[in-house]
Every structure is written in structure tokens, then in C-alpha cells.
Amino acid sequence: MIERFDTNERMSQVVIHGNTVYLAGQVAFGAAGESVTEQTKDTLQRIDELLAKAGTDKSKLLSATIWLTDIGDFAEMNAVWDAWVSPGNAPARACVESALAAPQFNVEIGIIAALD
């Protein structure tokens, strides 16, 4: 069985298959155009909300992929990430520099998490 939440014609924000939750790449709609710090905070808040909707939380992260428009912002993003990630439960993670779909966003984060 596959469950999908917040779905439109292009994509779902959350997909659950078995005991695994997949989130679409999340950006800072509430902090578009702001600093990398504010965008990262806003994005992680949205991730918390979507994980809760799926019935899990950040303590069950399996994998994270982070895209930055400028890898020079790595330390700034990491300061927020490190304060947010559940102690002792850091996921496997990749962080790369990449152009994003809209110029007002500098950070995008994709998450895979477990349900149990």
C-alpha cells in the first residue's frame, strides 16, 4: 500500500510505502529571499510538520539530501541543521551545490524517514 499527502498533478509532498516516509525536496516558502539561516529554519520547520503528518519525527531520519545554491553557505546552513537534528539520530546525509528551481530559494532539503 502506498499513501500520498499534499498531492498535485506534478508531485506529492509526502509518500509512505511500508515503514518508510519520503518527503519531496522542501524549500522555505515562509522565508523566501531571506538569509540561508532563516531559509534553513523555515525549511526544517516544514519538514517537522510533514513528518508529523506522516506519523513520525526527526528522530527517525534515515537520509537527508541538501542542495545549496552556494556551497559557501555550508557552515551557515550547518549551524541551523546541527541545532535541529535529533542528538544521536543523525541521518546519512549529502550536501551539494546546485541551482534551484526558483531564484528566491537558496536551500532545499529532501528527507527519508522511518515510521517506527
PDB file of N, CA and C in Angstrom:
ATOM      1  N   MET A   1       0.838  -1.184   0.000  1.00  0.00           N
ATOM      2  CA  MET A   1       0.000   0.000   0.000  1.00  0.00           C
ATOM      3  C   MET A   1       0.883   1.247   0.000  1.00  0.00           C
ATOM      4  N   ILE A   2       0.487   2.221  -0.777  1.00  0.00           N
ATOM      5  CA  ILE A   2       1.187   3.491  -0.852  1.00  0.00           C
ATOM      6  C   ILE A   2       0.217   4.600  -0.479  1.00  0.00           C
ATOM      7  N   GLU A   3       0.645   5.465   0.443  1.00  0.00           N
ATOM      8  CA  GLU A   3      -0.149   6.641   0.823  1.00  0.00           C
ATOM      9  C   GLU A   3       0.567   7.889   0.333  1.00  0.00           C
ATOM     10  N   ARG A   4      -0.220   8.861  -0.123  1.00  0.00           N
ATOM     11  CA  ARG A   4       0.337  10.136  -0.581  1.00  0.00           C
ATOM     12  C   ARG A   4      -0.417  11.281   0.076  1.00  0.00           C
ATOM     13  N   PHE A   5       0.329  12.322   0.486  1.00  0.00           N
ATOM     14  CA  PHE A   5      -0.271  13.507   1.093  1.00  0.00           C
ATOM     15  C   PHE A   5       0.180  14.747   0.330  1.00  0.00           C
ATOM     16  N   ASP A   6      -0.674  15.764   0.362  1.00  0.00           N
ATOM     17  CA  ASP A   6      -0.353  17.047  -0.280  1.00  0.00           C
ATOM     18  C   ASP A   6       0.095  16.809  -1.722  1.00  0.00           C
ATOM     19  N   THR A   7      -0.791  16.185  -2.475  1.00  0.00           N
ATOM     20  CA  THR A   7      -0.507  15.774  -3.841  1.00  0.00           C
ATOM     21  C   THR A   7      -1.145  16.732  -4.835  1.00  0.00           C
ATOM     22  N   ASN A   8      -0.416  17.026  -5.907  1.00  0.00           N
ATOM     23  CA  ASN A   8      -0.992  17.758  -7.034  1.00  0.00           C
ATOM     24  C   ASN A   8      -0.658  16.982  -8.301  1.00  0.00           C
ATOM     25  N   GLU A   9      -0.879  17.588  -9.461  1.00  0.00           N
ATOM     26  CA  GLU A   9      -0.648  16.879 -10.720  1.00  0.00           C
ATOM     27  C   GLU A   9       0.826  16.550 -10.966  1.00  0.00           C
ATOM     28  N   ARG A  10       1.737  17.218 -10.290  1.00  0.00           N
ATOM     29  CA  ARG A  10       3.162  17.014 -10.521  1.00  0.00           C
ATOM     30  C   ARG A  10       3.836  16.126  -9.477  1.00  0.00           C
ATOM     31  N   MET A  11       3.424  16.273  -8.221  1.00  0.00           N
ATOM     32  CA  MET A  11       4.180  15.596  -7.157  1.00  0.00           C
ATOM     33  C   MET A  11       3.377  15.504  -5.871  1.00  0.00           C
ATOM     34  N   SER A  12       3.885  14.674  -4.967  1.00  0.00           N
ATOM     35  CA  SER A  12       3.355  14.572  -3.603  1.00  0.00           C
ATOM     36  C   SER A  12       4.416  15.088  -2.655  1.00  0.00           C
ATOM     37  N   GLN A  13       4.000  15.807  -1.628  1.00  0.00           N
ATOM     38  CA  GLN A  13       4.950  16.276  -0.625  1.00  0.00           C
ATOM     39  C   GLN A  13       5.399  15.149   0.288  1.00  0.00           C
ATOM     40  N   VAL A  14       4.509  14.163   0.511  1.00  0.00           N
ATOM     41  CA  VAL A  14       4.804  13.024   1.379  1.00  0.00           C
ATOM     42  C   VAL A  14       4.313  11.755   0.693  1.00  0.00           C
ATOM     43  N   VAL A  15       5.164  10.729   0.668  1.00  0.00           N
ATOM     44  CA  VAL A  15       4.774   9.411   0.190  1.00  0.00           C
ATOM     45  C   VAL A  15       5.209   8.405   1.250  1.00  0.00           C
ATOM     46  N   ILE A  16       4.290   7.537   1.635  1.00  0.00           N
ATOM     47  CA  ILE A  16       4.592   6.480   2.604  1.00  0.00           C
ATOM     48  C   ILE A  16       4.436   5.139   1.897  1.00  0.00           C
ATOM     49  N   HIS A  17       5.463   4.319   2.000  1.00  0.00           N
ATOM     50  CA  HIS A  17       5.417   2.962   1.466  1.00  0.00           C
ATOM     51  C   HIS A  17       6.027   2.051   2.515  1.00  0.00           C
ATOM     52  N   GLY A  18       5.256   1.090   2.961  1.00  0.00           N
ATOM     53  CA  GLY A  18       5.734   0.231   4.047  1.00  0.00           C
ATOM     54  C   GLY A  18       5.969   1.073   5.283  1.00  0.00           C
ATOM     55  N   ASN A  19       7.148   0.959   5.848  1.00  0.00           N
ATOM     56  CA  ASN A  19       7.501   1.738   7.040  1.00  0.00           C
ATOM     57  C   ASN A  19       8.457   2.876   6.719  1.00  0.00           C
ATOM     58  N   THR A  20       8.419   3.345   5.455  1.00  0.00           N
ATOM     59  CA  THR A  20       9.330   4.400   5.032  1.00  0.00           C
ATOM     60  C   THR A  20       8.544   5.603   4.537  1.00  0.00           C
ATOM     61  N   VAL A  21       8.985   6.785   4.958  1.00  0.00           N
ATOM     62  CA  VAL A  21       8.371   8.052   4.570  1.00  0.00           C
ATOM     63  C   VAL A  21       9.363   8.809   3.695  1.00  0.00           C
ATOM     64  N   TYR A  22       8.893   9.240   2.542  1.00  0.00           N
ATOM     65  CA  TYR A  22       9.705  10.016   1.610  1.00  0.00           C
ATOM     66  C   TYR A  22       9.106  11.416   1.511  1.00  0.00           C
ATOM     67  N   LEU A  23       9.913  12.422   1.733  1.00  0.00           N
ATOM     68  CA  LEU A  23       9.457  13.800   1.558  1.00  0.00           C
ATOM     69  C   LEU A  23      10.039  14.357   0.266  1.00  0.00           C
ATOM     70  N   ALA A  24       9.232  15.133  -0.446  1.00  0.00           N
ATOM     71  CA  ALA A  24       9.744  15.885  -1.582  1.00  0.00           C
ATOM     72  C   ALA A  24      10.748  16.896  -1.060  1.00  0.00           C
ATOM     73  N   GLY A  25      11.588  17.398  -1.931  1.00  0.00           N
ATOM     74  CA  GLY A  25      12.506  18.461  -1.534  1.00  0.00           C
ATOM     75  C   GLY A  25      11.712  19.647  -1.013  1.00  0.00           C
ATOM     76  N   GLN A  26      12.084  20.147   0.154  1.00  0.00           N
ATOM     77  CA  GLN A  26      11.372  21.244   0.803  1.00  0.00           C
ATOM     78  C   GLN A  26      12.185  22.524   0.743  1.00  0.00           C
ATOM     79  N   VAL A  27      11.481  23.623   0.480  1.00  0.00           N
ATOM     80  CA  VAL A  27      12.101  24.944   0.461  1.00  0.00           C
ATOM     81  C   VAL A  27      11.357  25.857   1.427  1.00  0.00           C
ATOM     82  N   ALA A  28      11.915  27.025   1.639  1.00  0.00           N
ATOM     83  CA  ALA A  28      11.425  27.960   2.661  1.00  0.00           C
ATOM     84  C   ALA A  28      10.371  28.917   2.099  1.00  0.00           C
ATOM     85  N   PHE A  29       9.175  28.424   1.870  1.00  0.00           N
ATOM     86  CA  PHE A  29       8.118  29.310   1.373  1.00  0.00           C
ATOM     87  C   PHE A  29       7.842  30.452   2.347  1.00  0.00           C
ATOM     88  N   GLY A  30       8.038  30.223   3.648  1.00  0.00           N
ATOM     89  CA  GLY A  30       7.812  31.263   4.639  1.00  0.00           C
ATOM     90  C   GLY A  30       8.978  32.219   4.809  1.00  0.00           C
ATOM     91  N   ALA A  31      10.112  31.941   4.142  1.00  0.00           N
ATOM     92  CA  ALA A  31      11.293  32.798   4.281  1.00  0.00           C
ATOM     93  C   ALA A  31      11.978  32.995   2.928  1.00  0.00           C
ATOM     94  N   ALA A  32      11.221  32.945   1.861  1.00  0.00           N
ATOM     95  CA  ALA A  32      11.783  33.102   0.517  1.00  0.00           C
ATOM     96  C   ALA A  32      12.535  34.427   0.415  1.00  0.00           C
ATOM     97  N   GLY A  33      13.739  34.366  -0.129  1.00  0.00           N
ATOM     98  CA  GLY A  33      14.540  35.572  -0.306  1.00  0.00           C
ATOM     99  C   GLY A  33      15.300  36.019   0.923  1.00  0.00           C
ATOM    100  N   GLU A  34      15.096  35.352   2.054  1.00  0.00           N
ATOM    101  CA  GLU A  34      15.802  35.726   3.285  1.00  0.00           C
ATOM    102  C   GLU A  34      17.152  35.007   3.364  1.00  0.00           C
ATOM    103  N   SER A  35      17.844  35.154   4.476  1.00  0.00           N
ATOM    104  CA  SER A  35      19.164  34.557   4.660  1.00  0.00           C
ATOM    105  C   SER A  35      19.090  33.031   4.631  1.00  0.00           C
ATOM    106  N   VAL A  36      20.236  32.411   4.421  1.00  0.00           N
ATOM    107  CA  VAL A  36      20.317  30.952   4.458  1.00  0.00           C
ATOM    108  C   VAL A  36      19.900  30.441   5.833  1.00  0.00           C
ATOM    109  N   THR A  37      20.253  31.154   6.883  1.00  0.00           N
ATOM    110  CA  THR A  37      19.834  30.765   8.232  1.00  0.00           C
ATOM    111  C   THR A  37      18.320  30.727   8.331  1.00  0.00           C
ATOM    112  N   GLU A  38      17.655  31.787   7.914  1.00  0.00           N
ATOM    113  CA  GLU A  38      16.191  31.841   8.004  1.00  0.00           C
ATOM    114  C   GLU A  38      15.535  30.831   7.079  1.00  0.00           C
ATOM    115  N   GLN A  39      16.094  30.644   5.888  1.00  0.00           N
ATOM    116  CA  GLN A  39      15.526  29.654   4.975  1.00  0.00           C
ATOM    117  C   GLN A  39      15.677  28.241   5.527  1.00  0.00           C
ATOM    118  N   THR A  40      16.819  27.955   6.127  1.00  0.00           N
ATOM    119  CA  THR A  40      17.024  26.619   6.697  1.00  0.00           C
ATOM    120  C   THR A  40      16.063  26.382   7.860  1.00  0.00           C
ATOM    121  N   LYS A  41      15.902  27.358   8.735  1.00  0.00           N
ATOM    122  CA  LYS A  41      14.957  27.227   9.859  1.00  0.00           C
ATOM    123  C   LYS A  41      13.543  26.968   9.347  1.00  0.00           C
ATOM    124  N   ASP A  42      13.107  27.745   8.364  1.00  0.00           N
ATOM    125  CA  ASP A  42      11.763  27.606   7.824  1.00  0.00           C
ATOM    126  C   ASP A  42      11.571  26.241   7.161  1.00  0.00           C
ATOM    127  N   THR A  43      12.570  25.801   6.415  1.00  0.00           N
ATOM    128  CA  THR A  43      12.501  24.508   5.744  1.00  0.00           C
ATOM    129  C   THR A  43      12.429  23.372   6.762  1.00  0.00           C
ATOM    130  N   LEU A  44      13.228  23.432   7.795  1.00  0.00           N
ATOM    131  CA  LEU A  44      13.218  22.374   8.813  1.00  0.00           C
ATOM    132  C   LEU A  44      11.908  22.364   9.591  1.00  0.00           C
ATOM    133  N   GLN A  45      11.317  23.517   9.806  1.00  0.00           N
ATOM    134  CA  GLN A  45      10.001  23.573  10.458  1.00  0.00           C
ATOM    135  C   GLN A  45       8.966  22.864   9.582  1.00  0.00           C
ATOM    136  N   ARG A  46       9.009  23.110   8.277  1.00  0.00           N
ATOM    137  CA  ARG A  46       8.092  22.444   7.342  1.00  0.00           C
ATOM    138  C   ARG A  46       8.331  20.938   7.345  1.00  0.00           C
ATOM    139  N   ILE A  47       9.571  20.516   7.405  1.00  0.00           N
ATOM    140  CA  ILE A  47       9.893  19.091   7.474  1.00  0.00           C
ATOM    141  C   ILE A  47       9.309  18.479   8.739  1.00  0.00           C
ATOM    142  N   ASP A  48       9.449  19.153   9.874  1.00  0.00           N
ATOM    143  CA  ASP A  48       8.847  18.667  11.122  1.00  0.00           C
ATOM    144  C   ASP A  48       7.337  18.474  10.955  1.00  0.00           C
ATOM    145  N   GLU A  49       6.681  19.440  10.330  1.00  0.00           N
ATOM    146  CA  GLU A  49       5.229  19.370  10.127  1.00  0.00           C
ATOM    147  C   GLU A  49       4.845  18.194   9.227  1.00  0.00           C
ATOM    148  N   LEU A  50       5.580  18.003   8.148  1.00  0.00           N
ATOM    149  CA  LEU A  50       5.269  16.905   7.233  1.00  0.00           C
ATOM    150  C   LEU A  50       5.556  15.551   7.862  1.00  0.00           C
ATOM    151  N   LEU A  51       6.648  15.442   8.611  1.00  0.00           N
ATOM    152  CA  LEU A  51       6.930  14.178   9.303  1.00  0.00           C
ATOM    153  C   LEU A  51       5.824  13.853  10.303  1.00  0.00           C
ATOM    154  N   ALA A  52       5.339  14.852  11.029  1.00  0.00           N
ATOM    155  CA  ALA A  52       4.242  14.640  11.978  1.00  0.00           C
ATOM    156  C   ALA A  52       2.983  14.187  11.242  1.00  0.00           C
ATOM    157  N   LYS A  53       2.701  14.790  10.114  1.00  0.00           N
ATOM    158  CA  LYS A  53       1.535  14.393   9.313  1.00  0.00           C
ATOM    159  C   LYS A  53       1.633  12.928   8.900  1.00  0.00           C
ATOM    160  N   ALA A  54       2.854  12.469   8.641  1.00  0.00           N
ATOM    161  CA  ALA A  54       3.089  11.087   8.237  1.00  0.00           C
ATOM    162  C   ALA A  54       3.123  10.127   9.423  1.00  0.00           C
ATOM    163  N   GLY A  55       3.190  10.660  10.641  1.00  0.00           N
ATOM    164  CA  GLY A  55       3.210   9.812  11.830  1.00  0.00           C
ATOM    165  C   GLY A  55       4.606   9.473  12.321  1.00  0.00           C
ATOM    166  N   THR A  56       5.564  10.327  12.043  1.00  0.00           N
ATOM    167  CA  THR A  56       6.933  10.096  12.503  1.00  0.00           C
ATOM    168  C   THR A  56       7.559  11.421  12.917  1.00  0.00           C
ATOM    169  N   ASP A  57       8.858  11.422  13.169  1.00  0.00           N
ATOM    170  CA  ASP A  57       9.539  12.659  13.555  1.00  0.00           C
ATOM    171  C   ASP A  57      11.020  12.585  13.189  1.00  0.00           C
ATOM    172  N   LYS A  58      11.736  13.653  13.463  1.00  0.00           N
ATOM    173  CA  LYS A  58      13.134  13.752  13.059  1.00  0.00           C
ATOM    174  C   LYS A  58      14.055  12.758  13.763  1.00  0.00           C
ATOM    175  N   SER A  59      13.623  12.139  14.823  1.00  0.00           N
ATOM    176  CA  SER A  59      14.452  11.120  15.478  1.00  0.00           C
ATOM    177  C   SER A  59      14.531   9.848  14.648  1.00  0.00           C
ATOM    178  N   LYS A  60      13.716   9.754  13.612  1.00  0.00           N
ATOM    179  CA  LYS A  60      13.681   8.558  12.769  1.00  0.00           C
ATOM    180  C   LYS A  60      14.189   8.833  11.351  1.00  0.00           C
ATOM    181  N   LEU A  61      14.971   9.897  11.188  1.00  0.00           N
ATOM    182  CA  LEU A  61      15.536  10.202   9.876  1.00  0.00           C
ATOM    183  C   LEU A  61      16.486   9.094   9.438  1.00  0.00           C
ATOM    184  N   LEU A  62      16.389   8.725   8.174  1.00  0.00           N
ATOM    185  CA  LEU A  62      17.300   7.749   7.586  1.00  0.00           C
ATOM    186  C   LEU A  62      18.313   8.428   6.678  1.00  0.00           C
ATOM    187  N   SER A  63      17.825   9.386   5.881  1.00  0.00           N
ATOM    188  CA  SER A  63      18.662  10.029   4.886  1.00  0.00           C
ATOM    189  C   SER A  63      18.202  11.463   4.662  1.00  0.00           C
ATOM    190  N   ALA A  64      19.160  12.330   4.369  1.00  0.00           N
ATOM    191  CA  ALA A  64      18.860  13.722   4.020  1.00  0.00           C
ATOM    192  C   ALA A  64      19.750  14.120   2.852  1.00  0.00           C
ATOM    193  N   THR A  65      19.156  14.825   1.906  1.00  0.00           N
ATOM    194  CA  THR A  65      19.907  15.421   0.811  1.00  0.00           C
ATOM    195  C   THR A  65      19.651  16.918   0.862  1.00  0.00           C
ATOM    196  N   ILE A  66      20.728  17.687   0.876  1.00  0.00           N
ATOM    197  CA  ILE A  66      20.625  19.138   0.983  1.00  0.00           C
ATOM    198  C   ILE A  66      21.278  19.758  -0.242  1.00  0.00           C
ATOM    199  N   TRP A  67      20.534  20.658  -0.875  1.00  0.00           N
ATOM    200  CA  TRP A  67      21.036  21.407  -2.020  1.00  0.00           C
ATOM    201  C   TRP A  67      21.195  22.863  -1.599  1.00  0.00           C
ATOM    202  N   LEU A  68      22.361  23.427  -1.851  1.00  0.00           N
ATOM    203  CA  LEU A  68      22.645  24.839  -1.591  1.00  0.00           C
ATOM    204  C   LEU A  68      22.996  25.502  -2.917  1.00  0.00           C
ATOM    205  N   THR A  69      22.493  26.706  -3.143  1.00  0.00           N
ATOM    206  CA  THR A  69      22.860  27.406  -4.370  1.00  0.00           C
ATOM    207  C   THR A  69      24.303  27.892  -4.332  1.00  0.00           C
ATOM    208  N   ASP A  70      24.859  27.998  -3.122  1.00  0.00           N
ATOM    209  CA  ASP A  70      26.254  28.419  -2.958  1.00  0.00           C
ATOM    210  C   ASP A  70      26.854  27.588  -1.827  1.00  0.00           C
ATOM    211  N   ILE A  71      27.784  26.696  -2.150  1.00  0.00           N
ATOM    212  CA  ILE A  71      28.384  25.835  -1.134  1.00  0.00           C
ATOM    213  C   ILE A  71      29.129  26.656  -0.083  1.00  0.00           C
ATOM    214  N   GLY A  72      29.386  27.926  -0.369  1.00  0.00           N
ATOM    215  CA  GLY A  72      29.971  28.825   0.624  1.00  0.00           C
ATOM    216  C   GLY A  72      29.047  29.056   1.814  1.00  0.00           C
ATOM    217  N   ASP A  73      27.757  28.699   1.669  1.00  0.00           N
ATOM    218  CA  ASP A  73      26.788  28.824   2.754  1.00  0.00           C
ATOM    219  C   ASP A  73      26.705  27.568   3.615  1.00  0.00           C
ATOM    220  N   PHE A  74      27.600  26.617   3.366  1.00  0.00           N
ATOM    221  CA  PHE A  74      27.586  25.324   4.068  1.00  0.00           C
ATOM    222  C   PHE A  74      27.616  25.492   5.591  1.00  0.00           C
ATOM    223  N   ALA A  75      28.524  26.295   6.107  1.00  0.00           N
ATOM    224  CA  ALA A  75      28.646  26.474   7.564  1.00  0.00           C
ATOM    225  C   ALA A  75      27.405  27.143   8.146  1.00  0.00           C
ATOM    226  N   GLU A  76      26.866  28.131   7.440  1.00  0.00           N
ATOM    227  CA  GLU A  76      25.661  28.824   7.926  1.00  0.00           C
ATOM    228  C   GLU A  76      24.474  27.863   8.004  1.00  0.00           C
ATOM    229  N   MET A  77      24.289  27.051   6.967  1.00  0.00           N
ATOM    230  CA  MET A  77      23.213  26.065   6.971  1.00  0.00           C
ATOM    231  C   MET A  77      23.449  25.035   8.074  1.00  0.00           C
ATOM    232  N   ASN A  78      24.695  24.556   8.199  1.00  0.00           N
ATOM    233  CA  ASN A  78      25.008  23.532   9.198  1.00  0.00           C
ATOM    234  C   ASN A  78      24.764  24.005  10.623  1.00  0.00           C
ATOM    235  N   ALA A  79      24.955  25.283  10.903  1.00  0.00           N
ATOM    236  CA  ALA A  79      24.697  25.796  12.253  1.00  0.00           C
ATOM    237  C   ALA A  79      23.237  25.573  12.633  1.00  0.00           C
ATOM    238  N   VAL A  80      22.345  25.772  11.692  1.00  0.00           N
ATOM    239  CA  VAL A  80      20.916  25.554  11.945  1.00  0.00           C
ATOM    240  C   VAL A  80      20.621  24.060  11.980  1.00  0.00           C
ATOM    241  N   TRP A  81      21.148  23.325  11.007  1.00  0.00           N
ATOM    242  CA  TRP A  81      20.923  21.872  10.935  1.00  0.00           C
ATOM    243  C   TRP A  81      21.381  21.195  12.225  1.00  0.00           C
ATOM    244  N   ASP A  82      22.597  21.513  12.679  1.00  0.00           N
ATOM    245  CA  ASP A  82      23.163  20.859  13.864  1.00  0.00           C
ATOM    246  C   ASP A  82      22.323  21.107  15.113  1.00  0.00           C
ATOM    247  N   ALA A  83      21.706  22.277  15.225  1.00  0.00           N
ATOM    248  CA  ALA A  83      20.841  22.579  16.367  1.00  0.00           C
ATOM    249  C   ALA A  83      19.500  21.858  16.261  1.00  0.00           C
ATOM    250  N   TRP A  84      19.097  21.505  15.045  1.00  0.00           N
ATOM    251  CA  TRP A  84      17.788  20.878  14.802  1.00  0.00           C
ATOM    252  C   TRP A  84      17.827  19.358  14.874  1.00  0.00           C
ATOM    253  N   VAL A  85      18.867  18.747  14.329  1.00  0.00           N
ATOM    254  CA  VAL A  85      18.896  17.288  14.208  1.00  0.00           C
ATOM    255  C   VAL A  85      18.821  16.640  15.591  1.00  0.00           C
ATOM    256  N   SER A  86      18.101  15.529  15.674  1.00  0.00           N
ATOM    257  CA  SER A  86      17.913  14.817  16.937  1.00  0.00           C
ATOM    258  C   SER A  86      19.239  14.214  17.401  1.00  0.00           C
ATOM    259  N   PRO A  87      19.715  14.563  18.609  1.00  0.00           N
ATOM    260  CA  PRO A  87      21.002  14.049  19.099  1.00  0.00           C
ATOM    261  C   PRO A  87      21.053  12.517  19.060  1.00  0.00           C
ATOM    262  N   GLY A  88      22.126  12.007  18.487  1.00  0.00           N
ATOM    263  CA  GLY A  88      22.303  10.563  18.390  1.00  0.00           C
ATOM    264  C   GLY A  88      21.543   9.919  17.247  1.00  0.00           C
ATOM    265  N   ASN A  89      20.802  10.718  16.483  1.00  0.00           N
ATOM    266  CA  ASN A  89      19.982  10.164  15.403  1.00  0.00           C
ATOM    267  C   ASN A  89      20.264  10.837  14.062  1.00  0.00           C
ATOM    268  N   ALA A  90      21.487  11.276  13.848  1.00  0.00           N
ATOM    269  CA  ALA A  90      21.823  11.935  12.588  1.00  0.00           C
ATOM    270  C   ALA A  90      21.653  10.958  11.428  1.00  0.00           C
ATOM    271  N   PRO A  91      21.036  11.408  10.334  1.00  0.00           N
ATOM    272  CA  PRO A  91      20.838  10.526   9.179  1.00  0.00           C
ATOM    273  C   PRO A  91      22.093  10.448   8.318  1.00  0.00           C
ATOM    274  N   ALA A  92      22.091   9.505   7.378  1.00  0.00           N
ATOM    275  CA  ALA A  92      23.061   9.568   6.287  1.00  0.00           C
ATOM    276  C   ALA A  92      22.731  10.859   5.551  1.00  0.00           C
ATOM    277  N   ARG A  93      23.752  11.583   5.070  1.00  0.00           N
ATOM    278  CA  ARG A  93      23.465  12.903   4.510  1.00  0.00           C
ATOM    279  C   ARG A  93      24.420  13.248   3.389  1.00  0.00           C
ATOM    280  N   ALA A  94      23.889  13.953   2.405  1.00  0.00           N
ATOM    281  CA  ALA A  94      24.705  14.535   1.336  1.00  0.00           C
ATOM    282  C   ALA A  94      24.334  15.999   1.232  1.00  0.00           C
ATOM    283  N   CYS A  95      25.302  16.834   0.880  1.00  0.00           N
ATOM    284  CA  CYS A  95      25.057  18.258   0.667  1.00  0.00           C
ATOM    285  C   CYS A  95      25.844  18.673  -0.565  1.00  0.00           C
ATOM    286  N   VAL A  96      25.147  19.256  -1.527  1.00  0.00           N
ATOM    287  CA  VAL A  96      25.785  19.644  -2.777  1.00  0.00           C
ATOM    288  C   VAL A  96      25.377  21.056  -3.178  1.00  0.00           C
ATOM    289  N   GLU A  97      26.182  21.650  -4.025  1.00  0.00           N
ATOM    290  CA  GLU A  97      25.843  22.935  -4.618  1.00  0.00           C
ATOM    291  C   GLU A  97      25.067  22.680  -5.906  1.00  0.00           C
ATOM    292  N   SER A  98      23.960  23.414  -6.062  1.00  0.00           N
ATOM    293  CA  SER A  98      23.115  23.222  -7.235  1.00  0.00           C
ATOM    294  C   SER A  98      22.231  24.437  -7.446  1.00  0.00           C
ATOM    295  N   ALA A  99      21.907  24.710  -8.693  1.00  0.00           N
ATOM    296  CA  ALA A  99      20.878  25.718  -8.967  1.00  0.00           C
ATOM    297  C   ALA A  99      19.542  25.127  -8.527  1.00  0.00           C
ATOM    298  N   LEU A 100      18.671  25.955  -7.976  1.00  0.00           N
ATOM    299  CA  LEU A 100      17.338  25.505  -7.580  1.00  0.00           C
ATOM    300  C   LEU A 100      16.311  26.038  -8.577  1.00  0.00           C
ATOM    301  N   ALA A 101      15.088  25.543  -8.487  1.00  0.00           N
ATOM    302  CA  ALA A 101      14.057  25.861  -9.472  1.00  0.00           C
ATOM    303  C   ALA A 101      13.621  27.320  -9.452  1.00  0.00           C
ATOM    304  N   ALA A 102      13.759  27.994  -8.312  1.00  0.00           N
ATOM    305  CA  ALA A 102      13.333  29.393  -8.207  1.00  0.00           C
ATOM    306  C   ALA A 102      14.443  30.200  -7.528  1.00  0.00           C
ATOM    307  N   PRO A 103      14.742  31.388  -8.036  1.00  0.00           N
ATOM    308  CA  PRO A 103      15.887  32.154  -7.540  1.00  0.00           C
ATOM    309  C   PRO A 103      15.754  32.677  -6.112  1.00  0.00           C
ATOM    310  N   GLN A 104      14.560  32.728  -5.545  1.00  0.00           N
ATOM    311  CA  GLN A 104      14.393  33.225  -4.172  1.00  0.00           C
ATOM    312  C   GLN A 104      14.769  32.183  -3.117  1.00  0.00           C
ATOM    313  N   PHE A 105      15.071  30.961  -3.556  1.00  0.00           N
ATOM    314  CA  PHE A 105      15.439  29.903  -2.621  1.00  0.00           C
ATOM    315  C   PHE A 105      16.916  29.572  -2.741  1.00  0.00           C
ATOM    316  N   ASN A 106      17.576  29.428  -1.584  1.00  0.00           N
ATOM    317  CA  ASN A 106      18.993  29.092  -1.542  1.00  0.00           C
ATOM    318  C   ASN A 106      19.263  27.745  -0.890  1.00  0.00           C
ATOM    319  N   VAL A 107      18.221  27.134  -0.314  1.00  0.00           N
ATOM    320  CA  VAL A 107      18.359  25.860   0.386  1.00  0.00           C
ATOM    321  C   VAL A 107      17.158  24.993   0.021  1.00  0.00           C
ATOM    322  N   GLU A 108      17.421  23.721  -0.272  1.00  0.00           N
ATOM    323  CA  GLU A 108      16.360  22.741  -0.435  1.00  0.00           C
ATOM    324  C   GLU A 108      16.805  21.474   0.274  1.00  0.00           C
ATOM    325  N   ILE A 109      15.869  20.826   0.973  1.00  0.00           N
ATOM    326  CA  ILE A 109      16.203  19.638   1.753  1.00  0.00           C
ATOM    327  C   ILE A 109      15.197  18.533   1.455  1.00  0.00           C
ATOM    328  N   GLY A 110      15.711  17.365   1.102  1.00  0.00           N
ATOM    329  CA  GLY A 110      14.900  16.164   0.910  1.00  0.00           C
ATOM    330  C   GLY A 110      15.182  15.181   2.034  1.00  0.00           C
ATOM    331  N   ILE A 111      14.136  14.494   2.490  1.00  0.00           N
ATOM    332  CA  ILE A 111      14.251  13.623   3.670  1.00  0.00           C
ATOM    333  C   ILE A 111      13.613  12.264   3.379  1.00  0.00           C
ATOM    334  N   ILE A 112      14.241  11.210   3.920  1.00  0.00           N
ATOM    335  CA  ILE A 112      13.649   9.881   4.007  1.00  0.00           C
ATOM    336  C   ILE A 112      13.694   9.503   5.479  1.00  0.00           C
ATOM    337  N   ALA A 113      12.562   9.001   5.997  1.00  0.00           N
ATOM    338  CA  ALA A 113      12.492   8.651   7.418  1.00  0.00           C
ATOM    339  C   ALA A 113      11.743   7.335   7.605  1.00  0.00           C
ATOM    340  N   ALA A 114      11.928   6.737   8.752  1.00  0.00           N
ATOM    341  CA  ALA A 114      11.214   5.510   9.121  1.00  0.00           C
ATOM    342  C   ALA A 114       9.962   5.884   9.906  1.00  0.00           C
ATOM    343  N   LEU A 115       8.977   4.995   9.861  1.00  0.00           N
ATOM    344  CA  LEU A 115       7.787   5.185  10.682  1.00  0.00           C
ATOM    345  C   LEU A 115       7.966   4.637  12.079  1.00  0.00           C
ATOM    346  N   ASP A 116       8.743   3.601  12.235  1.00  0.00           N
ATOM    347  CA  ASP A 116       8.920   3.016  13.582  1.00  0.00           C
ATOM    348  C   ASP A 116      10.356   2.897  13.954  1.00  0.00           C
TER     349      ASP A 116
END
